[in-house]
Amino acid sequence: MITIYGGDWSKRLCNGCYGYLLSLYKIKAGTKADSEKTEQLANLLFKAVTLDDQLQAERLYRVSEERAEHLSQEALRFVSTSEHVARQLQSGPELEWSPAVIGLCKAVELEVVNRILKPLANGVSNTDLGADKSDKDVGRVAAFCANPTRNPPELGAFAHFLQTVVHSHRRRSTSVLMVNFLQLAKEWTGSNWLLDATAFHQSLTHLITRFRNRAAHIDELGKEDYVACRDLTIGTQGIIWQLLVATQRHR
């Protein structure tokens, strides 16, 4: 039996590629929530690469990108594995690139958790967040801050929290969580970038709508999508690098 891709007989697939694509489309066409699909696609990314190749990819990325030393280990793993998978896909650029794209999105999500949400949770550890937990706009972030052992909110939930902070000036003084977040942001060198509606939040929204959500659904993402996502996340002025700088504390 011969498997072809996209109805084009010049694009014959090996059994490995066919199995990979079949698993991919089952996830994307499923009925689970986007956050669950994202996790499944992220796991598929790692399954497509041996552990030895993942470790070698991390070493290569550390050497080629000095800024990688400042990434969390989890985020580094996603970025380097996405880059490795992208190199493998160069020989068949018409194939599905969604897992590689999801890997970059997960790296941003992990750095948001490590750089913003965990410090925020530490800052409100002895604070009553009851009202915030029942708030539809900030509830998921508040629930994590109240109990950091639970799964952190996914990128979309954080982006919605940030949007609320940026635009709801009245609630900045009434929400315990927002008050503490703003106090924490004052300690960081890039608080203006973090709280500017046209900066961090706009970039996150673009990442979620153009790449993450499309990768989690039936849309086919190609090489051009990966290149654009790469530029947005780990390019010269990528979200990850700006976030690392913005959350440095004032000396």
Foldseek 3Di string as FASTA:
>chain_A
DWDAPPPDPVRTDDPVLVVLVVQQQCQQADDDDLVVSLVSLLVSLDVNDDPVQLVVLLVVCVVVPVCLVLADPQLSSLQSSLVVVLVVCVVPQVAFSLSSLSSLQVSLFVCCCVLALVVLLVQCQPPDQPVQCPDPQRNQSSVCSPPVVDDHDGLVSVLSNLVCLLPVPVCCVVHPSNVSSLVLLVQWPQSVQSNPCVHLSVLSVCSCVVRSVCSSHNHGDGPVSSVVSCCQAPNPPHNSVVSSRRSDGDD
